[in-house]
N, C-alpha and C. Protein backbone atom coordinates (compact mmCIF):
# COMPACT_ATOMS: atom_id res chain seq x y z
N MET A 1 63.98 74.11 196.03
CA MET A 1 64.16 73.97 194.59
C MET A 1 64.64 72.55 194.30
N ASN A 2 64.25 72.06 193.17
CA ASN A 2 64.61 70.72 192.72
C ASN A 2 66.13 70.62 192.58
N SER A 3 66.71 69.52 193.05
CA SER A 3 68.18 69.37 193.01
C SER A 3 68.71 69.30 191.58
N ILE A 4 67.93 68.76 190.66
CA ILE A 4 68.36 68.71 189.26
C ILE A 4 68.40 70.12 188.69
N LEU A 5 67.40 70.92 189.01
CA LEU A 5 67.36 72.31 188.55
C LEU A 5 68.52 73.11 189.15
N GLU A 6 68.80 72.89 190.43
CA GLU A 6 69.93 73.56 191.07
C GLU A 6 71.25 73.20 190.38
N GLU A 7 71.41 71.94 190.04
CA GLU A 7 72.63 71.49 189.35
C GLU A 7 72.74 72.13 187.96
N ASP A 8 71.61 72.22 187.26
CA ASP A 8 71.60 72.86 185.94
C ASP A 8 72.00 74.34 186.04
N ILE A 9 71.48 75.03 187.03
CA ILE A 9 71.80 76.45 187.21
C ILE A 9 73.28 76.61 187.54
N LYS A 10 73.81 75.73 188.37
CA LYS A 10 75.24 75.76 188.69
C LYS A 10 76.08 75.54 187.44
N ASN A 11 75.67 74.59 186.61
CA ASN A 11 76.40 74.31 185.37
C ASN A 11 76.38 75.51 184.42
N ILE A 12 75.24 76.18 184.35
CA ILE A 12 75.15 77.37 183.51
C ILE A 12 76.07 78.46 184.05
N ALA A 13 76.03 78.68 185.36
CA ALA A 13 76.85 79.72 185.98
C ALA A 13 78.35 79.42 185.86
N ASP A 14 78.71 78.14 185.81
CA ASP A 14 80.11 77.75 185.69
C ASP A 14 80.58 77.63 184.24
N SER A 15 79.66 77.83 183.31
CA SER A 15 79.97 77.64 181.89
C SER A 15 81.03 78.62 181.40
N LYS A 16 81.94 78.11 180.61
CA LYS A 16 82.97 78.94 179.97
C LYS A 16 82.47 79.48 178.63
N LEU A 17 81.29 79.04 178.19
CA LEU A 17 80.72 79.50 176.92
C LEU A 17 80.18 80.93 177.02
N VAL A 18 79.94 81.39 178.24
CA VAL A 18 79.43 82.74 178.46
C VAL A 18 80.55 83.58 179.05
N ASN A 19 80.77 84.74 178.48
CA ASN A 19 81.75 85.67 179.04
C ASN A 19 81.04 86.50 180.12
N TRP A 20 81.02 85.96 181.33
CA TRP A 20 80.26 86.56 182.42
C TRP A 20 80.78 87.96 182.77
N GLN A 21 82.07 88.19 182.59
CA GLN A 21 82.64 89.49 182.95
C GLN A 21 82.10 90.62 182.07
N GLU A 22 81.56 90.26 180.90
CA GLU A 22 80.94 91.26 180.03
C GLU A 22 79.74 91.93 180.71
N PHE A 23 79.11 91.22 181.65
CA PHE A 23 77.94 91.73 182.34
C PHE A 23 78.29 92.49 183.62
N ASN A 24 79.54 92.44 184.03
CA ASN A 24 79.96 93.14 185.25
C ASN A 24 79.82 94.64 185.06
N ASN A 25 79.30 95.32 186.07
CA ASN A 25 79.09 96.78 186.06
C ASN A 25 78.13 97.22 184.96
N LYS A 26 77.14 96.40 184.65
CA LYS A 26 76.14 96.72 183.62
C LYS A 26 74.75 96.68 184.22
N SER A 27 73.81 97.21 183.46
CA SER A 27 72.38 97.09 183.77
C SER A 27 71.73 96.33 182.63
N ILE A 28 70.86 95.38 182.97
CA ILE A 28 70.17 94.62 181.93
C ILE A 28 68.68 94.56 182.24
N LEU A 29 67.88 94.43 181.20
CA LEU A 29 66.44 94.27 181.33
C LEU A 29 66.08 92.89 180.83
N ILE A 30 65.32 92.15 181.64
CA ILE A 30 64.88 90.81 181.26
C ILE A 30 63.36 90.82 181.27
N THR A 31 62.76 90.55 180.10
CA THR A 31 61.31 90.45 180.01
C THR A 31 60.92 88.98 180.02
N GLY A 32 59.74 88.70 180.50
CA GLY A 32 59.31 87.30 180.61
C GLY A 32 59.98 86.60 181.77
N ALA A 33 60.24 87.34 182.83
CA ALA A 33 61.05 86.85 183.95
C ALA A 33 60.45 85.66 184.69
N THR A 34 59.14 85.46 184.59
CA THR A 34 58.55 84.33 185.30
C THR A 34 58.48 83.08 184.43
N GLY A 35 58.96 83.18 183.19
CA GLY A 35 59.02 82.02 182.31
C GLY A 35 60.19 81.13 182.66
N LEU A 36 60.22 79.95 182.09
CA LEU A 36 61.23 78.95 182.42
C LEU A 36 62.65 79.44 182.10
N ILE A 37 62.87 79.85 180.87
CA ILE A 37 64.23 80.21 180.45
C ILE A 37 64.72 81.44 181.19
N CYS A 38 63.91 82.48 181.24
CA CYS A 38 64.35 83.72 181.89
C CYS A 38 64.53 83.56 183.39
N SER A 39 63.68 82.78 184.04
CA SER A 39 63.84 82.60 185.49
C SER A 39 65.14 81.86 185.80
N ILE A 40 65.50 80.89 184.96
CA ILE A 40 66.77 80.18 185.15
C ILE A 40 67.95 81.11 184.87
N MET A 41 67.81 81.93 183.84
CA MET A 41 68.86 82.89 183.50
C MET A 41 69.08 83.87 184.67
N ILE A 42 68.02 84.35 185.27
CA ILE A 42 68.14 85.26 186.42
C ILE A 42 68.85 84.57 187.57
N LYS A 43 68.48 83.33 187.84
CA LYS A 43 69.13 82.58 188.94
C LYS A 43 70.61 82.36 188.66
N ALA A 44 70.96 82.12 187.39
CA ALA A 44 72.38 81.94 187.03
C ALA A 44 73.14 83.25 187.24
N PHE A 45 72.55 84.38 186.83
CA PHE A 45 73.19 85.68 187.07
C PHE A 45 73.39 85.91 188.57
N CYS A 46 72.40 85.57 189.37
CA CYS A 46 72.52 85.75 190.83
C CYS A 46 73.61 84.86 191.40
N LYS A 47 73.75 83.66 190.89
CA LYS A 47 74.78 82.74 191.38
C LYS A 47 76.18 83.27 191.09
N LYS A 48 76.35 83.99 189.98
CA LYS A 48 77.66 84.55 189.61
C LYS A 48 78.07 85.71 190.51
N LYS A 49 77.12 86.36 191.17
CA LYS A 49 77.39 87.47 192.07
C LYS A 49 78.21 88.58 191.40
N LEU A 50 77.73 88.97 190.24
CA LEU A 50 78.36 90.07 189.51
C LEU A 50 77.85 91.40 190.03
N ASN A 51 78.57 92.46 189.75
CA ASN A 51 78.09 93.80 190.05
C ASN A 51 77.17 94.18 188.89
N LEU A 52 75.91 93.76 188.99
CA LEU A 52 74.98 93.84 187.88
C LEU A 52 73.63 94.33 188.39
N LYS A 53 73.06 95.31 187.69
CA LYS A 53 71.69 95.74 188.00
C LYS A 53 70.78 95.00 187.04
N MET A 54 69.85 94.24 187.61
CA MET A 54 68.93 93.46 186.81
C MET A 54 67.52 94.01 187.00
N TYR A 55 66.90 94.37 185.91
CA TYR A 55 65.51 94.78 185.92
C TYR A 55 64.75 93.68 185.20
N HIS A 56 63.68 93.19 185.83
CA HIS A 56 62.95 92.10 185.21
C HIS A 56 61.45 92.34 185.30
N HIS A 57 60.76 91.84 184.31
CA HIS A 57 59.33 92.01 184.23
C HIS A 57 58.71 90.67 183.82
N GLY A 58 57.62 90.33 184.48
CA GLY A 58 56.91 89.10 184.14
C GLY A 58 55.42 89.28 184.39
N ARG A 59 54.64 88.33 183.99
CA ARG A 59 53.18 88.42 184.15
C ARG A 59 52.73 88.20 185.58
N SER A 60 53.41 87.34 186.30
CA SER A 60 52.97 86.94 187.63
C SER A 60 53.57 87.86 188.69
N LYS A 61 52.77 88.18 189.71
CA LYS A 61 53.29 88.96 190.84
C LYS A 61 54.20 88.11 191.70
N GLN A 62 53.93 86.81 191.73
CA GLN A 62 54.79 85.89 192.48
C GLN A 62 55.98 85.55 191.61
N PHE A 63 57.14 85.97 192.03
CA PHE A 63 58.34 85.81 191.23
C PHE A 63 59.16 84.64 191.72
N ILE A 64 59.90 84.02 190.81
CA ILE A 64 60.72 82.86 191.05
C ILE A 64 60.93 82.61 192.47
């Protein structure tokens, strides 16, 4: 992965603007998962390592 993209994902995951604990012990559905915004959002959720069930759907079989 591109180092700039990795840094952006880290910055999103470290952001205080999002109350990440709100997502703890939840299930969420993400549509458009292979798109730019949603794929970055999924990676940020994964970086936070929350107890979160993520269901995602996208057009491509090859996922992020």
